[in-house]
N, C-alpha and C. Protein backbone atom coordinates (compact mmCIF):
# COMPACT_ATOMS: atom_id res chain seq x y z
N UNK A 1 23.09 2.96 13.56
CA UNK A 1 23.05 2.44 12.19
C UNK A 1 24.16 3.08 11.36
N UNK A 2 24.89 2.25 10.63
CA UNK A 2 25.99 2.77 9.80
C UNK A 2 25.44 3.55 8.61
N UNK A 3 26.25 4.49 8.10
CA UNK A 3 25.83 5.32 6.98
C UNK A 3 25.44 4.46 5.78
N UNK A 4 26.18 3.36 5.54
CA UNK A 4 25.85 2.48 4.41
C UNK A 4 24.45 1.90 4.58
N UNK A 5 24.12 1.48 5.80
CA UNK A 5 22.80 0.90 6.05
C UNK A 5 21.70 1.93 5.83
N UNK A 6 21.95 3.18 6.26
CA UNK A 6 20.97 4.24 6.08
C UNK A 6 20.70 4.47 4.60
N UNK A 7 21.77 4.54 3.80
CA UNK A 7 21.61 4.76 2.37
C UNK A 7 20.87 3.61 1.71
N UNK A 8 21.18 2.39 2.12
CA UNK A 8 20.54 1.22 1.55
C UNK A 8 19.04 1.22 1.85
N UNK A 9 18.67 1.68 3.03
CA UNK A 9 17.27 1.72 3.42
C UNK A 9 16.48 2.75 2.63
N UNK A 10 17.17 3.73 2.04
CA UNK A 10 16.49 4.82 1.35
C UNK A 10 16.61 4.75 -0.17
N UNK A 11 17.17 3.68 -0.69
CA UNK A 11 17.36 3.56 -2.14
C UNK A 11 16.88 2.20 -2.61
N UNK A 12 16.16 2.19 -3.73
CA UNK A 12 15.68 0.94 -4.31
C UNK A 12 16.81 0.33 -5.12
N UNK A 13 17.20 -0.90 -4.83
CA UNK A 13 18.35 -1.51 -5.54
C UNK A 13 17.99 -1.86 -6.98
N UNK A 14 18.99 -1.84 -7.84
CA UNK A 14 18.80 -2.30 -9.21
C UNK A 14 18.66 -3.82 -9.20
N UNK A 15 18.13 -4.36 -10.30
CA UNK A 15 17.88 -5.80 -10.35
C UNK A 15 19.14 -6.62 -10.13
N UNK A 16 20.29 -6.13 -10.60
CA UNK A 16 21.52 -6.90 -10.46
C UNK A 16 22.09 -6.85 -9.05
N UNK A 17 21.62 -5.92 -8.23
CA UNK A 17 22.10 -5.81 -6.86
C UNK A 17 21.07 -6.28 -5.83
N UNK A 18 19.85 -6.56 -6.28
CA UNK A 18 18.79 -7.00 -5.37
C UNK A 18 18.98 -8.47 -4.99
N UNK A 19 18.36 -8.86 -3.89
CA UNK A 19 18.39 -10.27 -3.49
C UNK A 19 17.70 -11.12 -4.54
N UNK A 20 18.13 -12.38 -4.72
CA UNK A 20 17.62 -13.19 -5.83
C UNK A 20 16.19 -13.67 -5.67
N UNK A 21 15.72 -13.81 -4.42
CA UNK A 21 14.37 -14.30 -4.22
C UNK A 21 14.24 -15.77 -4.58
N UNK A 22 13.03 -16.15 -5.05
CA UNK A 22 12.77 -17.57 -5.33
C UNK A 22 11.58 -17.69 -6.27
N UNK A 23 11.43 -18.84 -6.86
CA UNK A 23 10.33 -19.07 -7.80
C UNK A 23 9.02 -19.43 -7.08
N UNK A 24 9.12 -19.97 -5.87
CA UNK A 24 7.93 -20.45 -5.17
C UNK A 24 7.19 -19.29 -4.51
N UNK A 25 5.87 -19.25 -4.70
CA UNK A 25 5.05 -18.23 -4.07
C UNK A 25 4.87 -18.52 -2.58
N UNK A 26 4.62 -17.49 -1.81
CA UNK A 26 4.39 -17.64 -0.38
C UNK A 26 3.06 -18.33 -0.14
N UNK A 27 3.01 -19.43 0.61
CA UNK A 27 1.72 -20.07 0.89
C UNK A 27 0.92 -19.25 1.90
N UNK A 28 -0.37 -19.07 1.61
CA UNK A 28 -1.26 -18.35 2.54
C UNK A 28 -2.57 -19.11 2.67
N UNK A 29 -3.21 -18.92 3.81
CA UNK A 29 -4.54 -19.47 4.01
C UNK A 29 -5.52 -18.66 3.18
N UNK A 30 -6.19 -19.30 2.24
CA UNK A 30 -7.00 -18.55 1.27
C UNK A 30 -8.40 -18.24 1.79
N UNK A 31 -8.45 -17.56 2.93
CA UNK A 31 -9.73 -17.13 3.47
C UNK A 31 -9.47 -15.95 4.39
N UNK A 32 -10.17 -14.83 4.12
CA UNK A 32 -9.98 -13.63 4.93
C UNK A 32 -10.52 -13.88 6.34
N UNK A 33 -9.70 -13.59 7.34
CA UNK A 33 -10.07 -13.89 8.72
C UNK A 33 -11.23 -13.06 9.23
N UNK A 34 -11.51 -11.93 8.58
CA UNK A 34 -12.61 -11.05 9.00
C UNK A 34 -13.78 -11.14 8.03
N UNK A 35 -13.50 -10.98 6.74
CA UNK A 35 -14.55 -10.89 5.74
C UNK A 35 -15.01 -12.25 5.22
N UNK A 36 -14.21 -13.27 5.41
CA UNK A 36 -14.60 -14.62 5.03
C UNK A 36 -14.46 -14.98 3.57
N UNK A 37 -14.00 -14.05 2.74
CA UNK A 37 -13.85 -14.31 1.31
C UNK A 37 -12.42 -14.74 0.99
N UNK A 38 -12.22 -15.33 -0.19
CA UNK A 38 -10.86 -15.74 -0.57
C UNK A 38 -9.89 -14.56 -0.68
N UNK A 39 -8.64 -14.81 -0.32
CA UNK A 39 -7.59 -13.81 -0.50
C UNK A 39 -7.06 -13.83 -1.93
N UNK A 40 -7.02 -15.01 -2.52
CA UNK A 40 -6.33 -15.18 -3.80
C UNK A 40 -7.32 -15.15 -4.97
N UNK A 41 -6.88 -14.63 -6.12
CA UNK A 41 -7.72 -14.67 -7.31
C UNK A 41 -7.86 -16.11 -7.82
N UNK A 42 -8.87 -16.34 -8.72
CA UNK A 42 -9.73 -15.33 -9.36
C UNK A 42 -10.85 -14.85 -8.44
N UNK A 43 -11.26 -13.59 -8.65
CA UNK A 43 -12.34 -12.98 -7.89
C UNK A 43 -13.59 -12.89 -8.78
N UNK A 44 -14.76 -12.72 -8.18
CA UNK A 44 -15.97 -12.51 -8.99
C UNK A 44 -15.79 -11.37 -9.99
N UNK A 45 -16.36 -11.52 -11.18
CA UNK A 45 -16.08 -10.61 -12.28
C UNK A 45 -16.53 -9.17 -12.04
N UNK A 46 -17.52 -8.97 -11.18
CA UNK A 46 -18.04 -7.61 -10.97
C UNK A 46 -17.16 -6.79 -10.03
N UNK A 47 -16.14 -7.41 -9.46
CA UNK A 47 -15.28 -6.71 -8.51
C UNK A 47 -14.09 -6.07 -9.21
N UNK A 48 -13.49 -5.07 -8.55
CA UNK A 48 -12.30 -4.40 -9.06
C UNK A 48 -11.21 -4.46 -8.00
N UNK A 49 -9.97 -4.20 -8.42
CA UNK A 49 -8.82 -4.28 -7.53
C UNK A 49 -8.10 -2.94 -7.42
N UNK A 50 -7.50 -2.72 -6.28
CA UNK A 50 -6.66 -1.55 -6.04
C UNK A 50 -5.47 -1.99 -5.21
N UNK A 51 -4.41 -1.19 -5.22
CA UNK A 51 -3.21 -1.52 -4.43
C UNK A 51 -2.60 -0.23 -3.89
N UNK A 52 -2.29 -0.23 -2.60
CA UNK A 52 -1.76 0.96 -1.94
C UNK A 52 -0.62 0.61 -0.99
N UNK A 53 0.34 1.53 -0.88
CA UNK A 53 1.39 1.47 0.13
C UNK A 53 1.30 2.72 1.00
N UNK A 54 1.20 2.54 2.32
CA UNK A 54 0.98 3.67 3.22
C UNK A 54 1.79 3.54 4.50
N UNK A 55 2.84 2.71 4.50
CA UNK A 55 3.55 2.44 5.73
C UNK A 55 3.31 1.00 6.15
N UNK A 56 3.47 0.71 7.43
CA UNK A 56 3.30 -0.66 7.94
C UNK A 56 1.95 -1.22 7.50
N UNK A 57 1.99 -2.36 6.81
CA UNK A 57 0.76 -2.84 6.18
C UNK A 57 -0.25 -3.44 7.16
N UNK A 58 0.13 -3.68 8.40
CA UNK A 58 -0.83 -4.21 9.36
C UNK A 58 -1.99 -3.23 9.57
N UNK A 59 -1.66 -1.99 9.90
CA UNK A 59 -2.70 -1.00 10.15
C UNK A 59 -3.41 -0.56 8.89
N UNK A 60 -2.68 -0.53 7.78
CA UNK A 60 -3.28 -0.13 6.51
C UNK A 60 -4.36 -1.12 6.09
N UNK A 61 -4.06 -2.41 6.21
CA UNK A 61 -5.07 -3.39 5.81
C UNK A 61 -6.34 -3.24 6.62
N UNK A 62 -6.22 -3.01 7.92
CA UNK A 62 -7.41 -2.86 8.75
C UNK A 62 -8.25 -1.67 8.32
N UNK A 63 -7.61 -0.57 7.94
CA UNK A 63 -8.35 0.60 7.47
C UNK A 63 -9.27 0.23 6.30
N UNK A 64 -8.77 -0.61 5.40
CA UNK A 64 -9.55 -0.92 4.21
C UNK A 64 -10.56 -2.03 4.44
N UNK A 65 -10.24 -3.05 5.23
CA UNK A 65 -11.23 -4.12 5.40
C UNK A 65 -12.45 -3.62 6.17
N UNK A 66 -12.33 -2.51 6.89
CA UNK A 66 -13.45 -1.97 7.64
C UNK A 66 -14.44 -1.20 6.78
N UNK A 67 -14.10 -0.95 5.52
CA UNK A 67 -14.96 -0.16 4.65
C UNK A 67 -16.06 -1.02 4.03
N UNK A 68 -17.28 -0.51 4.04
CA UNK A 68 -18.38 -1.22 3.38
C UNK A 68 -18.12 -1.24 1.87
N UNK A 69 -18.29 -2.39 1.28
CA UNK A 69 -18.04 -2.54 -0.15
C UNK A 69 -16.70 -3.16 -0.48
N UNK A 70 -15.81 -3.25 0.52
CA UNK A 70 -14.54 -3.96 0.31
C UNK A 70 -14.80 -5.45 0.52
N UNK A 71 -14.46 -6.26 -0.48
CA UNK A 71 -14.79 -7.69 -0.50
C UNK A 71 -13.70 -8.53 0.16
N UNK A 72 -12.45 -8.19 -0.11
CA UNK A 72 -11.34 -8.85 0.56
C UNK A 72 -10.11 -7.96 0.51
N UNK A 73 -9.17 -8.24 1.38
CA UNK A 73 -7.88 -7.53 1.40
C UNK A 73 -6.78 -8.54 1.65
N UNK A 74 -5.57 -8.17 1.26
CA UNK A 74 -4.41 -9.00 1.56
C UNK A 74 -3.18 -8.11 1.62
N UNK A 75 -2.22 -8.48 2.44
CA UNK A 75 -0.98 -7.72 2.52
C UNK A 75 0.12 -8.46 1.77
N UNK A 76 1.03 -7.67 1.22
CA UNK A 76 2.11 -8.27 0.45
C UNK A 76 3.20 -7.28 0.13
N UNK A 77 4.01 -7.65 -0.84
CA UNK A 77 5.18 -6.86 -1.22
C UNK A 77 5.11 -6.57 -2.72
N UNK A 78 5.48 -5.36 -3.10
CA UNK A 78 5.43 -4.98 -4.51
C UNK A 78 6.37 -3.81 -4.75
N UNK A 79 6.80 -3.68 -6.00
CA UNK A 79 7.58 -2.52 -6.40
C UNK A 79 9.08 -2.71 -6.43
N UNK A 80 9.55 -3.94 -6.17
CA UNK A 80 10.98 -4.21 -6.22
C UNK A 80 11.29 -5.36 -7.16
N UNK A 81 12.55 -5.60 -7.48
CA UNK A 81 12.91 -6.63 -8.45
C UNK A 81 13.00 -8.06 -7.90
N UNK A 82 12.99 -8.25 -6.59
CA UNK A 82 13.15 -9.58 -6.02
C UNK A 82 11.84 -10.36 -6.08
N UNK A 83 11.82 -11.54 -6.72
CA UNK A 83 10.58 -12.32 -6.77
C UNK A 83 10.32 -13.07 -5.46
N UNK A 84 9.05 -13.06 -5.03
CA UNK A 84 8.62 -13.82 -3.85
C UNK A 84 9.52 -13.62 -2.65
N UNK A 85 9.70 -12.38 -2.21
CA UNK A 85 10.59 -12.13 -1.07
C UNK A 85 9.95 -12.55 0.25
N UNK A 86 10.78 -12.72 1.26
CA UNK A 86 10.30 -12.92 2.62
C UNK A 86 10.29 -11.57 3.34
N UNK A 87 9.60 -11.54 4.47
CA UNK A 87 9.56 -10.32 5.26
C UNK A 87 10.97 -9.92 5.70
N UNK A 88 11.76 -10.89 6.12
CA UNK A 88 13.11 -10.59 6.57
C UNK A 88 13.94 -9.98 5.44
N UNK A 89 13.76 -10.48 4.22
CA UNK A 89 14.49 -9.94 3.08
C UNK A 89 14.04 -8.51 2.77
N UNK A 90 12.75 -8.26 2.79
CA UNK A 90 12.24 -6.92 2.52
C UNK A 90 12.80 -5.92 3.54
N UNK A 91 12.89 -6.34 4.80
CA UNK A 91 13.37 -5.44 5.85
C UNK A 91 14.84 -5.06 5.70
N UNK A 92 15.61 -5.82 4.92
CA UNK A 92 17.01 -5.46 4.72
C UNK A 92 17.16 -4.25 3.79
N UNK A 93 16.11 -3.94 3.02
CA UNK A 93 16.22 -2.88 2.01
C UNK A 93 16.84 -3.36 0.72
N UNK A 94 17.12 -4.66 0.60
CA UNK A 94 17.81 -5.18 -0.58
C UNK A 94 16.87 -5.85 -1.60
N UNK A 95 15.56 -5.68 -1.40
CA UNK A 95 14.60 -6.20 -2.39
C UNK A 95 13.93 -5.07 -3.15
N UNK A 96 13.91 -3.86 -2.57
CA UNK A 96 13.25 -2.72 -3.20
C UNK A 96 11.75 -2.71 -3.07
N UNK A 97 11.19 -3.69 -2.37
CA UNK A 97 9.74 -3.79 -2.28
C UNK A 97 9.14 -2.82 -1.26
N UNK A 98 7.88 -2.52 -1.50
CA UNK A 98 7.07 -1.74 -0.58
C UNK A 98 6.12 -2.70 0.13
N UNK A 99 5.77 -2.40 1.38
CA UNK A 99 4.69 -3.11 2.05
C UNK A 99 3.38 -2.55 1.52
N UNK A 100 2.58 -3.39 0.87
CA UNK A 100 1.36 -2.90 0.22
C UNK A 100 0.16 -3.72 0.66
N UNK A 101 -1.01 -3.14 0.37
CA UNK A 101 -2.28 -3.83 0.62
C UNK A 101 -3.03 -3.93 -0.69
N UNK A 102 -3.45 -5.14 -1.02
CA UNK A 102 -4.33 -5.37 -2.16
C UNK A 102 -5.77 -5.27 -1.68
N UNK A 103 -6.57 -4.46 -2.35
CA UNK A 103 -7.96 -4.23 -1.96
C UNK A 103 -8.86 -4.66 -3.11
N UNK A 104 -9.75 -5.60 -2.86
CA UNK A 104 -10.73 -6.03 -3.85
C UNK A 104 -12.08 -5.47 -3.41
N UNK A 105 -12.72 -4.69 -4.27
CA UNK A 105 -13.91 -3.96 -3.85
C UNK A 105 -15.02 -4.04 -4.90
N UNK A 106 -16.24 -3.77 -4.43
CA UNK A 106 -17.41 -3.75 -5.29
C UNK A 106 -17.69 -2.31 -5.69
N UNK A 107 -17.46 -1.92 -6.95
CA UNK A 107 -17.63 -0.51 -7.34
C UNK A 107 -19.08 -0.04 -7.29
N UNK A 108 -20.03 -0.97 -7.17
CA UNK A 108 -21.43 -0.57 -7.02
C UNK A 108 -21.71 -0.08 -5.60
N UNK A 109 -20.80 -0.39 -4.67
CA UNK A 109 -20.99 0.00 -3.27
C UNK A 109 -20.00 1.07 -2.84
N UNK A 110 -18.75 0.94 -3.25
CA UNK A 110 -17.72 1.91 -2.89
C UNK A 110 -16.87 2.20 -4.12
N UNK A 111 -16.63 3.47 -4.39
CA UNK A 111 -15.86 3.85 -5.57
C UNK A 111 -14.37 3.94 -5.28
N UNK A 112 -13.59 3.92 -6.35
CA UNK A 112 -12.14 4.05 -6.21
C UNK A 112 -11.78 5.40 -5.58
N UNK A 113 -12.56 6.43 -5.88
CA UNK A 113 -12.31 7.74 -5.27
C UNK A 113 -12.44 7.70 -3.76
N UNK A 114 -13.36 6.91 -3.24
CA UNK A 114 -13.51 6.79 -1.80
C UNK A 114 -12.31 6.06 -1.18
N UNK A 115 -11.78 5.09 -1.90
CA UNK A 115 -10.57 4.42 -1.42
C UNK A 115 -9.40 5.39 -1.39
N UNK A 116 -9.32 6.26 -2.40
CA UNK A 116 -8.26 7.25 -2.43
C UNK A 116 -8.38 8.24 -1.28
N UNK A 117 -9.59 8.59 -0.90
CA UNK A 117 -9.77 9.49 0.24
C UNK A 117 -9.17 8.87 1.50
N UNK A 118 -9.43 7.58 1.72
CA UNK A 118 -8.84 6.88 2.86
C UNK A 118 -7.32 6.88 2.73
N UNK A 119 -6.83 6.60 1.53
CA UNK A 119 -5.38 6.60 1.31
C UNK A 119 -4.75 7.92 1.72
N UNK A 120 -5.26 9.03 1.20
CA UNK A 120 -4.63 10.33 1.46
C UNK A 120 -4.77 10.76 2.91
N UNK A 121 -5.91 10.47 3.52
CA UNK A 121 -6.17 11.00 4.86
C UNK A 121 -5.55 10.17 5.99
N UNK A 122 -5.23 8.91 5.73
CA UNK A 122 -4.84 8.02 6.81
C UNK A 122 -3.32 7.80 6.93
N UNK A 123 -2.54 8.57 6.18
CA UNK A 123 -1.08 8.53 6.38
C UNK A 123 -0.52 9.88 5.94
N UNK A 124 0.78 10.07 6.13
CA UNK A 124 1.43 11.30 5.71
C UNK A 124 2.19 11.02 4.42
N UNK A 125 1.69 11.52 3.27
CA UNK A 125 2.31 11.19 1.98
C UNK A 125 3.49 12.08 1.62
N UNK A 126 4.05 12.82 2.59
CA UNK A 126 5.14 13.74 2.30
C UNK A 126 6.48 13.27 2.86
N UNK A 127 6.56 12.05 3.36
CA UNK A 127 7.73 11.65 4.16
C UNK A 127 8.79 10.85 3.41
N UNK A 128 8.60 10.61 2.13
CA UNK A 128 9.63 9.89 1.38
C UNK A 128 9.70 8.43 1.78
N UNK A 129 10.90 7.93 2.03
CA UNK A 129 11.10 6.51 2.32
C UNK A 129 10.91 6.21 3.81
N UNK A 130 9.76 6.62 4.32
CA UNK A 130 9.46 6.36 5.73
C UNK A 130 8.00 6.66 5.99
N UNK A 131 7.53 6.24 7.15
CA UNK A 131 6.23 6.64 7.67
C UNK A 131 6.35 6.67 9.18
N UNK A 132 6.40 7.90 9.71
CA UNK A 132 6.62 8.05 11.15
C UNK A 132 7.99 7.53 11.53
N UNK A 133 8.02 6.65 12.54
CA UNK A 133 9.29 6.08 13.00
C UNK A 133 9.73 4.87 12.18
N UNK A 134 8.90 4.43 11.23
CA UNK A 134 9.24 3.31 10.37
C UNK A 134 10.01 3.83 9.16
N UNK A 135 11.26 3.42 9.04
CA UNK A 135 12.15 3.98 8.03
C UNK A 135 12.61 2.89 7.06
N UNK A 136 12.55 3.19 5.78
CA UNK A 136 13.02 2.26 4.76
C UNK A 136 12.15 2.31 3.52
N UNK A 137 12.66 1.75 2.44
CA UNK A 137 11.93 1.76 1.18
C UNK A 137 10.59 1.05 1.28
N UNK A 138 10.46 0.11 2.21
CA UNK A 138 9.21 -0.65 2.32
C UNK A 138 8.09 0.15 2.96
N UNK A 139 8.39 1.37 3.43
CA UNK A 139 7.37 2.20 4.06
C UNK A 139 7.00 3.42 3.22
N UNK A 140 7.38 3.43 1.94
CA UNK A 140 7.09 4.58 1.10
C UNK A 140 5.61 4.63 0.71
N UNK A 141 5.18 5.83 0.39
CA UNK A 141 3.79 6.05 -0.03
C UNK A 141 3.66 5.72 -1.51
N UNK A 142 2.65 4.89 -1.85
CA UNK A 142 2.50 4.51 -3.25
C UNK A 142 1.08 4.16 -3.62
N UNK A 143 0.70 4.54 -4.83
CA UNK A 143 -0.57 4.13 -5.43
C UNK A 143 -0.22 3.37 -6.69
N UNK A 144 -0.66 2.12 -6.77
CA UNK A 144 -0.30 1.25 -7.88
C UNK A 144 -1.57 0.96 -8.69
N UNK A 145 -1.67 1.60 -9.84
CA UNK A 145 -2.94 1.66 -10.56
C UNK A 145 -3.13 0.48 -11.50
N UNK A 146 -4.39 0.09 -11.66
CA UNK A 146 -4.75 -1.05 -12.50
C UNK A 146 -5.15 -0.64 -13.91
N UNK A 147 -5.46 0.63 -14.11
CA UNK A 147 -5.89 1.10 -15.43
C UNK A 147 -5.73 2.61 -15.49
N UNK A 148 -6.00 3.18 -16.67
CA UNK A 148 -5.81 4.62 -16.85
C UNK A 148 -6.84 5.44 -16.07
N UNK A 149 -8.02 4.87 -15.86
CA UNK A 149 -9.00 5.58 -15.05
C UNK A 149 -8.53 5.77 -13.63
N UNK A 150 -7.96 4.71 -13.05
CA UNK A 150 -7.42 4.83 -11.71
C UNK A 150 -6.26 5.83 -11.68
N UNK A 151 -5.41 5.80 -12.70
CA UNK A 151 -4.29 6.72 -12.75
C UNK A 151 -4.77 8.17 -12.77
N UNK A 152 -5.76 8.46 -13.61
CA UNK A 152 -6.26 9.84 -13.73
C UNK A 152 -6.82 10.33 -12.40
N UNK A 153 -7.56 9.46 -11.72
CA UNK A 153 -8.15 9.87 -10.44
C UNK A 153 -7.09 10.00 -9.36
N UNK A 154 -6.11 9.10 -9.36
CA UNK A 154 -5.03 9.20 -8.38
C UNK A 154 -4.25 10.50 -8.56
N UNK A 155 -3.93 10.85 -9.80
CA UNK A 155 -3.18 12.08 -10.05
C UNK A 155 -4.00 13.32 -9.73
N UNK A 156 -5.29 13.29 -10.03
CA UNK A 156 -6.15 14.44 -9.74
C UNK A 156 -6.27 14.66 -8.23
N UNK A 157 -6.47 13.58 -7.48
CA UNK A 157 -6.57 13.73 -6.03
C UNK A 157 -5.23 14.15 -5.43
N UNK A 158 -4.14 13.66 -5.98
CA UNK A 158 -2.81 14.10 -5.50
C UNK A 158 -2.65 15.60 -5.69
N UNK A 159 -2.99 16.10 -6.86
CA UNK A 159 -2.82 17.53 -7.14
C UNK A 159 -3.69 18.39 -6.23
N UNK A 160 -4.93 17.95 -6.01
CA UNK A 160 -5.82 18.70 -5.12
C UNK A 160 -5.35 18.61 -3.67
N UNK A 161 -4.92 17.43 -3.25
CA UNK A 161 -4.50 17.26 -1.86
C UNK A 161 -3.21 18.01 -1.58
N UNK A 162 -2.35 18.15 -2.58
CA UNK A 162 -1.12 18.92 -2.40
C UNK A 162 -1.44 20.36 -2.02
N UNK A 163 -2.44 20.93 -2.65
CA UNK A 163 -2.83 22.31 -2.31
C UNK A 163 -3.28 22.40 -0.87
N UNK A 164 -4.05 21.41 -0.43
CA UNK A 164 -4.55 21.43 0.94
C UNK A 164 -3.41 21.20 1.94
N UNK A 165 -2.50 20.30 1.61
CA UNK A 165 -1.36 20.07 2.49
C UNK A 165 -0.46 21.30 2.57
N UNK A 166 -0.21 21.94 1.43
CA UNK A 166 0.64 23.14 1.42
C UNK A 166 0.03 24.23 2.28
N UNK A 167 -1.27 24.38 2.19
CA UNK A 167 -1.96 25.39 2.99
C UNK A 167 -1.85 25.10 4.49
N UNK A 168 -1.70 23.82 4.82
CA UNK A 168 -1.58 23.42 6.22
C UNK A 168 -0.12 23.38 6.69
N UNK A 169 0.81 23.73 5.81
CA UNK A 169 2.22 23.80 6.20
C UNK A 169 3.03 22.56 5.93
N UNK A 170 2.48 21.61 5.18
CA UNK A 170 3.23 20.40 4.85
C UNK A 170 4.03 20.59 3.56
N UNK A 171 5.01 19.72 3.36
CA UNK A 171 5.86 19.79 2.17
C UNK A 171 5.24 19.09 0.98
N UNK A 172 6.10 18.75 0.02
CA UNK A 172 5.64 18.13 -1.22
C UNK A 172 5.28 16.66 -1.02
N UNK A 173 4.26 16.23 -1.71
CA UNK A 173 3.87 14.82 -1.72
C UNK A 173 4.95 13.99 -2.41
N UNK A 174 5.33 12.88 -1.80
CA UNK A 174 6.35 12.00 -2.38
C UNK A 174 5.75 10.69 -2.89
N UNK A 175 4.46 10.58 -2.87
CA UNK A 175 3.77 9.35 -3.30
C UNK A 175 4.13 8.97 -4.73
N UNK A 176 4.52 7.72 -4.94
CA UNK A 176 4.73 7.24 -6.30
C UNK A 176 3.40 6.72 -6.85
N UNK A 177 3.08 7.13 -8.06
CA UNK A 177 1.89 6.65 -8.75
C UNK A 177 2.37 5.96 -10.02
N UNK A 178 2.16 4.65 -10.10
CA UNK A 178 2.67 3.90 -11.24
C UNK A 178 1.79 2.68 -11.50
N UNK A 179 1.99 2.06 -12.66
CA UNK A 179 1.26 0.85 -12.98
C UNK A 179 1.51 -0.20 -11.91
N UNK A 180 0.48 -0.95 -11.60
CA UNK A 180 0.60 -1.96 -10.55
C UNK A 180 1.65 -2.99 -10.92
N UNK A 181 2.66 -3.17 -10.08
CA UNK A 181 3.67 -4.21 -10.33
C UNK A 181 3.17 -5.56 -9.83
N UNK A 182 3.99 -6.57 -9.95
CA UNK A 182 3.65 -7.88 -9.41
C UNK A 182 3.42 -7.77 -7.90
N UNK A 183 2.39 -8.45 -7.43
CA UNK A 183 2.05 -8.49 -6.00
C UNK A 183 2.44 -9.85 -5.46
N UNK A 184 3.28 -9.85 -4.42
CA UNK A 184 3.71 -11.07 -3.78
C UNK A 184 3.10 -11.14 -2.38
N UNK A 185 2.33 -12.17 -2.10
CA UNK A 185 1.69 -12.29 -0.80
C UNK A 185 2.73 -12.34 0.31
N UNK A 186 2.44 -11.62 1.39
CA UNK A 186 3.26 -11.72 2.60
C UNK A 186 2.92 -13.01 3.34
N UNK A 187 3.76 -13.36 4.29
CA UNK A 187 3.57 -14.57 5.07
C UNK A 187 2.19 -14.59 5.73
N UNK A 188 1.70 -15.79 5.98
CA UNK A 188 0.34 -15.96 6.48
C UNK A 188 0.10 -15.21 7.78
N UNK A 189 1.09 -15.15 8.65
CA UNK A 189 0.87 -14.49 9.94
C UNK A 189 0.67 -12.99 9.80
N UNK A 190 1.09 -12.41 8.67
CA UNK A 190 0.86 -10.98 8.45
C UNK A 190 -0.56 -10.69 7.98
N UNK A 191 -1.25 -11.67 7.41
CA UNK A 191 -2.57 -11.43 6.86
C UNK A 191 -3.57 -11.16 7.99
N UNK A 192 -4.27 -10.01 7.89
CA UNK A 192 -5.24 -9.59 8.92
C UNK A 192 -4.61 -9.61 10.32
N UNK A 193 -3.38 -9.13 10.40
CA UNK A 193 -2.58 -9.23 11.61
C UNK A 193 -3.27 -8.58 12.82
N UNK A 194 -3.88 -7.43 12.63
CA UNK A 194 -4.46 -6.73 13.77
C UNK A 194 -5.80 -7.31 14.20
N UNK A 195 -6.38 -8.18 13.38
CA UNK A 195 -7.53 -8.96 13.84
C UNK A 195 -7.04 -10.11 14.71
N UNK A 196 -5.96 -10.74 14.30
CA UNK A 196 -5.40 -11.86 15.05
C UNK A 196 -4.68 -11.38 16.31
N UNK A 197 -4.17 -10.14 16.28
CA UNK A 197 -3.42 -9.55 17.40
C UNK A 197 -3.98 -8.16 17.67
N UNK A 198 -5.12 -8.06 18.35
CA UNK A 198 -5.81 -6.76 18.52
C UNK A 198 -4.96 -5.67 19.16
N UNK A 199 -4.01 -6.05 19.97
CA UNK A 199 -3.16 -5.06 20.62
C UNK A 199 -1.85 -4.83 19.89
N UNK A 200 -1.76 -5.29 18.65
CA UNK A 200 -0.53 -5.20 17.89
C UNK A 200 -0.20 -3.80 17.44
N UNK A 201 1.01 -3.64 16.94
CA UNK A 201 1.53 -2.34 16.52
C UNK A 201 0.81 -1.84 15.27
N UNK A 202 0.44 -0.57 15.28
CA UNK A 202 -0.12 0.09 14.09
C UNK A 202 0.58 1.43 13.95
N UNK A 203 1.46 1.55 12.97
CA UNK A 203 2.30 2.73 12.86
C UNK A 203 1.78 3.83 11.96
N UNK A 204 0.56 3.69 11.42
CA UNK A 204 0.09 4.71 10.49
C UNK A 204 -0.69 5.80 11.22
N UNK A 205 -0.66 6.98 10.65
CA UNK A 205 -1.41 8.11 11.19
C UNK A 205 -1.48 9.22 10.17
N UNK A 206 -2.60 9.86 10.08
CA UNK A 206 -2.79 10.89 9.07
C UNK A 206 -2.27 12.25 9.50
N UNK A 207 -2.40 13.21 8.60
CA UNK A 207 -1.96 14.57 8.87
C UNK A 207 -3.05 15.42 9.51
N UNK A 208 -4.28 14.93 9.47
CA UNK A 208 -5.41 15.72 9.94
C UNK A 208 -6.01 16.60 8.86
N UNK A 209 -5.39 16.59 7.68
CA UNK A 209 -5.90 17.36 6.54
C UNK A 209 -6.90 16.50 5.78
N UNK A 210 -8.06 17.07 5.47
CA UNK A 210 -9.09 16.32 4.77
C UNK A 210 -8.90 16.42 3.27
N UNK A 211 -9.21 15.33 2.60
CA UNK A 211 -9.08 15.24 1.15
C UNK A 211 -10.42 15.57 0.49
N UNK A 212 -10.48 16.67 -0.23
CA UNK A 212 -11.71 17.05 -0.91
C UNK A 212 -11.89 16.22 -2.18
N UNK A 213 -13.12 16.13 -2.65
CA UNK A 213 -13.39 15.39 -3.89
C UNK A 213 -12.63 16.04 -5.02
N UNK A 214 -12.02 15.24 -5.93
CA UNK A 214 -11.23 15.80 -7.03
C UNK A 214 -12.11 16.56 -8.02
N UNK A 215 -11.52 17.54 -8.67
CA UNK A 215 -12.25 18.34 -9.63
C UNK A 215 -11.91 17.91 -11.05
N UNK A 216 -12.94 17.79 -11.90
CA UNK A 216 -12.73 17.56 -13.31
C UNK A 216 -12.43 16.14 -13.72
N UNK A 217 -12.52 15.18 -12.79
CA UNK A 217 -12.22 13.78 -13.12
C UNK A 217 -13.29 12.91 -12.52
N UNK A 218 -13.76 11.93 -13.28
CA UNK A 218 -14.73 10.98 -12.76
C UNK A 218 -14.41 9.60 -13.32
N UNK A 219 -14.95 8.57 -12.67
CA UNK A 219 -14.75 7.20 -13.15
C UNK A 219 -16.10 6.54 -13.34
């Protein structure tokens, strides 16, 4: 890989340098292949939403759809300036997007803090613009919050988990925590990919460090 390509993979492009994208949204089959619920909003009013980036979204989505209380999940792209990108465009590093999972959950059954525990424990949040052998801006660690309550809990768990990671010999957390950007659905074949392809690639893996309950913050 040329030096220019390496730099491009590790830097989010400005809006004037990003690919133009398109106005049309990606068509998807509006039914979760495992949970049976709609992928697209509107969702029932009692449900809440979360969004995470943890590396290749195939394995990440499976981690979340397996949790009791999760109503539906979908994979997509977020965090870059290109509207409605394709997978091929995201892989060039010229859209700035992250591979993310949208999680719709019932807070009466599973709390946002429990989702954060899965987030922190099931990938390595210290690797910057990569996850394992997957390299590029689309594999960065990210928590995209829907409200200030989610932000407070995300930051509290990050601070606590940093202490635990440091004690285990890991470096600084590079996870971005920011307001949820626009979510663009990925192509239909990516949705619930590891259910459709049980032997498919799953590139995520945790550090083995457990995430303790955050101190001083509740939702």
